[in-house]
Amino acid sequence: MVVAVFEQLTPEIRRWTARHPEWHPRYEWAQEVASFAVESGDTLVLVDPQAPADEEPFWAELDRLVDASGVGRIAVLITIHYHARSTTDVYRRYRDRLEVSVHAHASVRKRLGPDVPMTAIEPGEPLPAGALAFAIGSPRRSETPILIPSARALAFGDAVVGVDGELRVWQLSGMGTRREWYEERFLPTLRPLLELDFENVLVTHGPPMIGDGRELLRKGLEAPPWSMRSE
């Protein structure tokens, strides 16, 4: 029996998971990371693609998706520099068959193969499939949440995660623990995202929120920041 690699979340959105390539074994939460494939017109958008350790079934299923969808272009959108992951492999596999573009924060360039062209994301400037990236953090982070309008989806790298059926802001090391810093410096850069038109929230750590995502994000921003130590 062939086990499907991709989970279809909506007609446009598919999700797959792989073991985190650098995760410490003492942390049970989010040992797996998620990636997404979003069909949008003639473009297949891949968000933070990570090939699983058992690569052959993954590549075979991605090949079938590319062929069945009839897309002419693959656009790899990377939400944060840590998530360059298998982007180089995607580019090399499909560059002779399709137009392949890579879009990420400028800091990602050094994580890609020397043969991989990349366009640095500038928040607010259009991306393939009409996607838009947004700046967050004060000072600004290298992470850029990405809105994919055709799928009504907002994708996060590390800033927001899925935990126990909720969305939470992930308190990363170096983020600071002072409540006033969180409320006065960081949250104000996330709240404008609630004004966007989306209903699905795609997170690379934890389960996605399909439907009612904007309300779940609002609740997540009202809650205290979450860390693995607060499990």
C-alpha atoms as a PDB file:
ATOM      1  CA  MET A   1       0.000   0.000   0.000  1.00  0.00           C
ATOM      2  CA  VAL A   2       1.316   3.465  -0.905  1.00  0.00           C
ATOM      3  CA  VAL A   3       1.100   5.914   1.975  1.00  0.00           C
ATOM      4  CA  ALA A   4       0.418   9.486   0.879  1.00  0.00           C
ATOM      5  CA  VAL A   5       3.133  11.959   1.781  1.00  0.00           C
ATOM      6  CA  PHE A   6       0.904  15.002   1.383  1.00  0.00           C
ATOM      7  CA  GLU A   7      -2.134  15.832   3.497  1.00  0.00           C
ATOM      8  CA  GLN A   8      -4.707  17.850   1.568  1.00  0.00           C
ATOM      9  CA  LEU A   9      -5.973  20.637   3.821  1.00  0.00           C
ATOM     10  CA  THR A  10      -8.051  22.559   1.273  1.00  0.00           C
ATOM     11  CA  PRO A  11      -8.448  22.186  -2.505  1.00  0.00           C
ATOM     12  CA  GLU A  12      -5.388  24.443  -2.907  1.00  0.00           C
ATOM     13  CA  ILE A  13      -3.230  23.592   0.119  1.00  0.00           C
ATOM     14  CA  ARG A  14      -1.250  20.445   0.847  1.00  0.00           C
ATOM     15  CA  ARG A  15       0.973  19.809   3.858  1.00  0.00           C
ATOM     16  CA  TRP A  16       3.745  17.349   4.584  1.00  0.00           C
ATOM     17  CA  THR A  17       6.087  16.841   7.522  1.00  0.00           C
ATOM     18  CA  ALA A  18       9.687  15.789   8.041  1.00  0.00           C
ATOM     19  CA  ARG A  19      11.904  15.381  11.045  1.00  0.00           C
ATOM     20  CA  HIS A  20      13.569  18.631  12.053  1.00  0.00           C
ATOM     21  CA  PRO A  21      17.130  18.390  10.713  1.00  0.00           C
ATOM     22  CA  GLU A  22      18.656  20.106  13.781  1.00  0.00           C
ATOM     23  CA  TRP A  23      16.185  19.339  16.576  1.00  0.00           C
ATOM     24  CA  HIS A  24      17.538  18.314  19.957  1.00  0.00           C
ATOM     25  CA  PRO A  25      16.140  14.917  21.029  1.00  0.00           C
ATOM     26  CA  ARG A  26      15.241  16.123  24.518  1.00  0.00           C
ATOM     27  CA  TYR A  27      12.477  18.281  23.062  1.00  0.00           C
ATOM     28  CA  GLU A  28       9.432  16.185  22.181  1.00  0.00           C
ATOM     29  CA  TRP A  29       7.424  19.142  20.879  1.00  0.00           C
ATOM     30  CA  ALA A  30       7.814  19.879  17.177  1.00  0.00           C
ATOM     31  CA  GLN A  31      10.400  17.235  16.409  1.00  0.00           C
ATOM     32  CA  GLU A  32       8.756  17.352  13.004  1.00  0.00           C
ATOM     33  CA  VAL A  33       8.516  20.432  10.831  1.00  0.00           C
ATOM     34  CA  ALA A  34       5.825  21.127   8.275  1.00  0.00           C
ATOM     35  CA  SER A  35       6.075  22.355   4.709  1.00  0.00           C
ATOM     36  CA  PHE A  36       3.302  23.374   2.355  1.00  0.00           C
ATOM     37  CA  ALA A  37       2.456  23.152  -1.333  1.00  0.00           C
ATOM     38  CA  VAL A  38      -0.120  25.677  -2.532  1.00  0.00           C
ATOM     39  CA  GLU A  39      -1.591  25.626  -6.022  1.00  0.00           C
ATOM     40  CA  SER A  40      -2.277  29.121  -7.323  1.00  0.00           C
ATOM     41  CA  GLY A  41      -3.096  29.472 -10.998  1.00  0.00           C
ATOM     42  CA  ASP A  42      -0.098  28.429 -13.073  1.00  0.00           C
ATOM     43  CA  THR A  43       2.208  28.496 -10.031  1.00  0.00           C
ATOM     44  CA  LEU A  44       2.931  25.878  -7.399  1.00  0.00           C
ATOM     45  CA  VAL A  45       4.092  27.666  -4.262  1.00  0.00           C
ATOM     46  CA  LEU A  46       6.304  25.666  -1.911  1.00  0.00           C
ATOM     47  CA  VAL A  47       6.621  27.164   1.577  1.00  0.00           C
ATOM     48  CA  ASP A  48       9.773  26.184   3.524  1.00  0.00           C
ATOM     49  CA  PRO A  49      10.178  22.832   1.727  1.00  0.00           C
ATOM     50  CA  GLN A  50      11.945  20.086   3.707  1.00  0.00           C
ATOM     51  CA  ALA A  51      12.300  16.661   2.088  1.00  0.00           C
ATOM     52  CA  PRO A  52      11.705  13.800   4.536  1.00  0.00           C
ATOM     53  CA  ALA A  53      14.498  11.365   5.332  1.00  0.00           C
ATOM     54  CA  ASP A  54      12.776   8.803   3.099  1.00  0.00           C
ATOM     55  CA  GLU A  55      13.062  11.037   0.078  1.00  0.00           C
ATOM     56  CA  GLU A  56      11.948   8.782  -2.767  1.00  0.00           C
ATOM     57  CA  PRO A  57       8.189   8.713  -1.945  1.00  0.00           C
ATOM     58  CA  PHE A  58       8.233  12.465  -1.349  1.00  0.00           C
ATOM     59  CA  TRP A  59       9.843  13.359  -4.651  1.00  0.00           C
ATOM     60  CA  ALA A  60       7.602  10.892  -6.503  1.00  0.00           C
ATOM     61  CA  GLU A  61       4.481  12.469  -5.017  1.00  0.00           C
ATOM     62  CA  LEU A  62       5.707  15.998  -5.685  1.00  0.00           C
ATOM     63  CA  ASP A  63       6.419  14.987  -9.288  1.00  0.00           C
ATOM     64  CA  ARG A  64       2.846  13.690  -9.599  1.00  0.00           C
ATOM     65  CA  LEU A  65       1.457  16.906  -8.165  1.00  0.00           C
ATOM     66  CA  VAL A  66       3.518  19.025 -10.567  1.00  0.00           C
ATOM     67  CA  ASP A  67       2.387  16.935 -13.533  1.00  0.00           C
ATOM     68  CA  ALA A  68      -1.286  16.732 -12.511  1.00  0.00           C
ATOM     69  CA  SER A  69      -1.615  20.431 -11.733  1.00  0.00           C
ATOM     70  CA  GLY A  70      -0.146  21.482 -15.069  1.00  0.00           C
ATOM     71  CA  VAL A  71       1.699  24.407 -13.497  1.00  0.00           C
ATOM     72  CA  GLY A  72       4.408  26.170 -15.433  1.00  0.00           C
ATOM     73  CA  ARG A  73       6.231  27.583 -12.464  1.00  0.00           C
ATOM     74  CA  ILE A  74       7.415  26.610  -8.993  1.00  0.00           C
ATOM     75  CA  ALA A  75       7.987  29.425  -6.530  1.00  0.00           C
ATOM     76  CA  VAL A  76       9.789  28.603  -3.291  1.00  0.00           C
ATOM     77  CA  LEU A  77       8.901  31.092  -0.552  1.00  0.00           C
ATOM     78  CA  ILE A  78      11.040  30.926   2.585  1.00  0.00           C
ATOM     79  CA  THR A  79       9.654  32.490   5.744  1.00  0.00           C
ATOM     80  CA  ILE A  80      12.889  32.661   7.778  1.00  0.00           C
ATOM     81  CA  HIS A  81      16.558  31.980   7.100  1.00  0.00           C
ATOM     82  CA  TYR A  82      16.593  28.749   9.119  1.00  0.00           C
ATOM     83  CA  HIS A  83      14.065  27.267   6.702  1.00  0.00           C
ATOM     84  CA  ALA A  84      16.088  27.173   3.490  1.00  0.00           C
ATOM     85  CA  ARG A  85      16.043  23.407   4.048  1.00  0.00           C
ATOM     86  CA  SER A  86      15.630  21.481   0.762  1.00  0.00           C
ATOM     87  CA  THR A  87      15.291  24.527  -1.479  1.00  0.00           C
ATOM     88  CA  THR A  88      18.495  23.753  -3.368  1.00  0.00           C
ATOM     89  CA  ASP A  89      17.259  20.224  -4.112  1.00  0.00           C
ATOM     90  CA  VAL A  90      13.914  21.564  -5.368  1.00  0.00           C
ATOM     91  CA  TYR A  91      15.642  23.995  -7.679  1.00  0.00           C
ATOM     92  CA  ARG A  92      18.012  21.408  -9.141  1.00  0.00           C
ATOM     93  CA  ARG A  93      15.256  18.840  -9.653  1.00  0.00           C
ATOM     94  CA  TYR A  94      12.865  21.081 -11.571  1.00  0.00           C
ATOM     95  CA  ARG A  95      14.958  23.811 -13.202  1.00  0.00           C
ATOM     96  CA  ASP A  96      15.158  21.963 -16.533  1.00  0.00           C
ATOM     97  CA  ARG A  97      11.395  21.340 -16.641  1.00  0.00           C
ATOM     98  CA  LEU A  98       9.814  24.483 -15.240  1.00  0.00           C
ATOM     99  CA  GLU A  99      10.542  28.029 -14.291  1.00  0.00           C
ATOM    100  CA  VAL A 100      11.758  27.851 -10.677  1.00  0.00           C
ATOM    101  CA  SER A 101      12.221  30.925  -8.509  1.00  0.00           C
ATOM    102  CA  VAL A 102      13.345  31.301  -4.901  1.00  0.00           C
ATOM    103  CA  HIS A 103      12.269  34.202  -2.697  1.00  0.00           C
ATOM    104  CA  ALA A 104      13.603  34.783   0.803  1.00  0.00           C
ATOM    105  CA  HIS A 105      15.191  37.241   3.196  1.00  0.00           C
ATOM    106  CA  ALA A 106      18.647  38.275   1.990  1.00  0.00           C
ATOM    107  CA  SER A 107      20.266  36.247   4.789  1.00  0.00           C
ATOM    108  CA  VAL A 108      19.089  33.013   3.137  1.00  0.00           C
ATOM    109  CA  ARG A 109      21.365  33.383   0.131  1.00  0.00           C
ATOM    110  CA  LYS A 110      24.395  31.874   1.893  1.00  0.00           C
ATOM    111  CA  ARG A 111      22.342  28.783   2.802  1.00  0.00           C
ATOM    112  CA  LEU A 112      21.619  27.903  -0.829  1.00  0.00           C
ATOM    113  CA  GLY A 113      23.757  26.193  -3.418  1.00  0.00           C
ATOM    114  CA  PRO A 114      25.954  28.527  -5.496  1.00  0.00           C
ATOM    115  CA  ASP A 115      23.901  27.686  -8.603  1.00  0.00           C
ATOM    116  CA  VAL A 116      20.577  28.695  -7.048  1.00  0.00           C
ATOM    117  CA  PRO A 117      19.352  32.190  -8.006  1.00  0.00           C
ATOM    118  CA  MET A 118      17.404  33.969  -5.304  1.00  0.00           C
ATOM    119  CA  THR A 119      15.361  37.138  -5.082  1.00  0.00           C
ATOM    120  CA  ALA A 120      15.517  38.916  -1.740  1.00  0.00           C
ATOM    121  CA  ILE A 121      12.096  39.524  -0.248  1.00  0.00           C
ATOM    122  CA  GLU A 122      11.137  43.130   0.289  1.00  0.00           C
ATOM    123  CA  PRO A 123       8.052  43.417   2.509  1.00  0.00           C
ATOM    124  CA  GLY A 124       5.087  44.806   0.612  1.00  0.00           C
ATOM    125  CA  GLU A 125       6.420  43.988  -2.848  1.00  0.00           C
ATOM    126  CA  PRO A 126       4.438  41.389  -4.840  1.00  0.00           C
ATOM    127  CA  LEU A 127       5.728  37.836  -4.944  1.00  0.00           C
ATOM    128  CA  PRO A 128       4.697  35.022  -7.317  1.00  0.00           C
ATOM    129  CA  ALA A 129       1.046  33.972  -7.101  1.00  0.00           C
ATOM    130  CA  GLY A 130       0.213  37.421  -5.749  1.00  0.00           C
ATOM    131  CA  ALA A 131       1.792  36.571  -2.393  1.00  0.00           C
ATOM    132  CA  LEU A 132       2.930  39.322  -0.038  1.00  0.00           C
ATOM    133  CA  ALA A 133       5.531  39.284   2.727  1.00  0.00           C
ATOM    134  CA  PHE A 134       5.365  41.373   5.889  1.00  0.00           C
ATOM    135  CA  ALA A 135       8.027  42.719   8.223  1.00  0.00           C
ATOM    136  CA  ILE A 136       7.767  41.867  11.919  1.00  0.00           C
ATOM    137  CA  GLY A 137       9.851  42.588  14.986  1.00  0.00           C
ATOM    138  CA  SER A 138      11.364  45.691  16.519  1.00  0.00           C
ATOM    139  CA  PRO A 139      14.176  45.612  15.555  1.00  0.00           C
ATOM    140  CA  ARG A 140      13.036  43.920  12.364  1.00  0.00           C
ATOM    141  CA  ARG A 141      13.489  40.159  12.230  1.00  0.00           C
ATOM    142  CA  SER A 142      14.732  38.165   9.285  1.00  0.00           C
ATOM    143  CA  GLU A 143      11.382  36.349   9.401  1.00  0.00           C
ATOM    144  CA  THR A 144       8.677  37.481   6.992  1.00  0.00           C
ATOM    145  CA  PRO A 145       5.157  36.051   7.370  1.00  0.00           C
ATOM    146  CA  ILE A 146       3.718  35.437   3.908  1.00  0.00           C
ATOM    147  CA  LEU A 147       0.132  35.929   2.744  1.00  0.00           C
ATOM    148  CA  ILE A 148      -1.046  33.760  -0.183  1.00  0.00           C
ATOM    149  CA  PRO A 149      -4.322  35.440  -1.175  1.00  0.00           C
ATOM    150  CA  SER A 150      -5.626  32.779  -3.564  1.00  0.00           C
ATOM    151  CA  ALA A 151      -5.611  30.234  -0.720  1.00  0.00           C
ATOM    152  CA  ARG A 152      -6.584  32.799   1.925  1.00  0.00           C
ATOM    153  CA  ALA A 153      -3.563  31.577   3.852  1.00  0.00           C
ATOM    154  CA  LEU A 154      -1.016  33.294   6.097  1.00  0.00           C
ATOM    155  CA  ALA A 155       2.236  31.367   6.631  1.00  0.00           C
ATOM    156  CA  PHE A 156       4.605  31.799   9.574  1.00  0.00           C
ATOM    157  CA  GLY A 157       8.111  30.505  10.138  1.00  0.00           C
ATOM    158  CA  ASP A 158       8.898  30.625  13.859  1.00  0.00           C
ATOM    159  CA  ALA A 159       6.991  33.624  15.250  1.00  0.00           C
ATOM    160  CA  VAL A 160       3.662  31.807  15.574  1.00  0.00           C
ATOM    161  CA  VAL A 161       3.223  28.096  16.258  1.00  0.00           C
ATOM    162  CA  GLY A 162       0.390  25.634  16.750  1.00  0.00           C
ATOM    163  CA  VAL A 163       0.048  24.190  20.256  1.00  0.00           C
ATOM    164  CA  ASP A 164      -2.861  22.125  21.618  1.00  0.00           C
ATOM    165  CA  GLY A 165      -5.303  23.383  19.023  1.00  0.00           C
ATOM    166  CA  GLU A 166      -4.291  27.021  19.496  1.00  0.00           C
ATOM    167  CA  LEU A 167      -1.993  29.533  17.861  1.00  0.00           C
ATOM    168  CA  ARG A 168       0.642  31.026  20.129  1.00  0.00           C
ATOM    169  CA  VAL A 169       3.541  33.430  19.748  1.00  0.00           C
ATOM    170  CA  TRP A 170       6.702  31.397  20.264  1.00  0.00           C
ATOM    171  CA  GLN A 171       9.092  32.919  22.780  1.00  0.00           C
ATOM    172  CA  LEU A 172      12.444  32.228  21.168  1.00  0.00           C
ATOM    173  CA  SER A 173      15.822  32.579  22.821  1.00  0.00           C
ATOM    174  CA  GLY A 174      16.992  36.173  22.590  1.00  0.00           C
ATOM    175  CA  MET A 175      13.429  37.398  22.284  1.00  0.00           C
ATOM    176  CA  GLY A 176      13.423  38.682  25.826  1.00  0.00           C
ATOM    177  CA  THR A 177      11.237  37.667  28.716  1.00  0.00           C
ATOM    178  CA  ARG A 178      10.042  41.055  29.948  1.00  0.00           C
ATOM    179  CA  ARG A 179       6.305  41.339  29.519  1.00  0.00           C
ATOM    180  CA  GLU A 180       6.540  45.022  28.673  1.00  0.00           C
ATOM    181  CA  TRP A 181       9.014  44.303  25.841  1.00  0.00           C
ATOM    182  CA  TYR A 182       6.680  41.689  24.423  1.00  0.00           C
ATOM    183  CA  GLU A 183       3.602  43.902  24.648  1.00  0.00           C
ATOM    184  CA  GLU A 184       5.190  47.207  23.640  1.00  0.00           C
ATOM    185  CA  ARG A 185       7.771  46.167  21.046  1.00  0.00           C
ATOM    186  CA  PHE A 186       6.855  42.836  19.485  1.00  0.00           C
ATOM    187  CA  LEU A 187       3.070  42.446  19.537  1.00  0.00           C
ATOM    188  CA  PRO A 188       2.486  45.808  17.800  1.00  0.00           C
ATOM    189  CA  THR A 189       4.336  44.421  14.767  1.00  0.00           C
ATOM    190  CA  LEU A 190       2.095  41.332  14.632  1.00  0.00           C
ATOM    191  CA  ARG A 191      -1.309  42.916  15.203  1.00  0.00           C
ATOM    192  CA  PRO A 192      -1.535  44.557  11.742  1.00  0.00           C
ATOM    193  CA  LEU A 193      -1.600  41.039  10.272  1.00  0.00           C
ATOM    194  CA  LEU A 194      -5.118  40.666  11.681  1.00  0.00           C
ATOM    195  CA  GLU A 195      -6.307  43.213   9.124  1.00  0.00           C
ATOM    196  CA  LEU A 196      -5.402  40.881   6.246  1.00  0.00           C
ATOM    197  CA  ASP A 197      -7.909  38.663   4.453  1.00  0.00           C
ATOM    198  CA  PHE A 198      -7.107  35.080   5.460  1.00  0.00           C
ATOM    199  CA  GLU A 199      -8.846  32.141   7.082  1.00  0.00           C
ATOM    200  CA  ASN A 200      -6.028  29.579   7.131  1.00  0.00           C
ATOM    201  CA  VAL A 201      -2.838  29.870   9.171  1.00  0.00           C
ATOM    202  CA  LEU A 202       0.077  27.702   8.056  1.00  0.00           C
ATOM    203  CA  VAL A 203       2.742  27.118  10.687  1.00  0.00           C
ATOM    204  CA  THR A 204       5.913  25.082  10.334  1.00  0.00           C
ATOM    205  CA  HIS A 205       5.843  24.027  13.994  1.00  0.00           C
ATOM    206  CA  GLY A 206       2.674  22.345  15.216  1.00  0.00           C
ATOM    207  CA  PRO A 207      -0.643  21.809  13.422  1.00  0.00           C
ATOM    208  CA  PRO A 208      -2.052  24.351  10.962  1.00  0.00           C
ATOM    209  CA  MET A 209      -5.330  26.145  11.599  1.00  0.00           C
ATOM    210  CA  ILE A 210      -7.672  25.676   8.657  1.00  0.00           C
ATOM    211  CA  GLY A 211     -10.708  27.921   8.831  1.00  0.00           C
ATOM    212  CA  ASP A 212     -11.254  30.654  11.433  1.00  0.00           C
ATOM    213  CA  GLY A 213      -7.514  31.266  11.410  1.00  0.00           C
ATOM    214  CA  ARG A 214      -7.765  35.007  11.843  1.00  0.00           C
ATOM    215  CA  GLU A 215      -9.811  34.660  15.037  1.00  0.00           C
ATOM    216  CA  LEU A 216      -7.419  32.019  16.353  1.00  0.00           C
ATOM    217  CA  LEU A 217      -4.485  34.305  15.618  1.00  0.00           C
ATOM    218  CA  ARG A 218      -6.212  37.155  17.441  1.00  0.00           C
ATOM    219  CA  LYS A 219      -6.620  34.934  20.499  1.00  0.00           C
ATOM    220  CA  GLY A 220      -3.004  33.854  20.226  1.00  0.00           C
ATOM    221  CA  LEU A 221      -1.805  37.444  20.263  1.00  0.00           C
ATOM    222  CA  GLU A 222      -3.881  38.099  23.374  1.00  0.00           C
ATOM    223  CA  ALA A 223      -2.318  35.151  25.214  1.00  0.00           C
ATOM    224  CA  PRO A 224       1.098  35.248  26.934  1.00  0.00           C
ATOM    225  CA  PRO A 225       4.053  34.129  24.791  1.00  0.00           C
ATOM    226  CA  TRP A 226       4.654  30.388  24.728  1.00  0.00           C
ATOM    227  CA  SER A 227       7.907  28.490  25.093  1.00  0.00           C
ATOM    228  CA  MET A 228       8.797  24.815  25.223  1.00  0.00           C
ATOM    229  CA  ARG A 229       9.522  25.307  28.914  1.00  0.00           C
ATOM    230  CA  SER A 230       5.848  26.179  29.451  1.00  0.00           C
ATOM    231  CA  GLU A 231       4.569  22.805  28.224  1.00  0.00           C
END
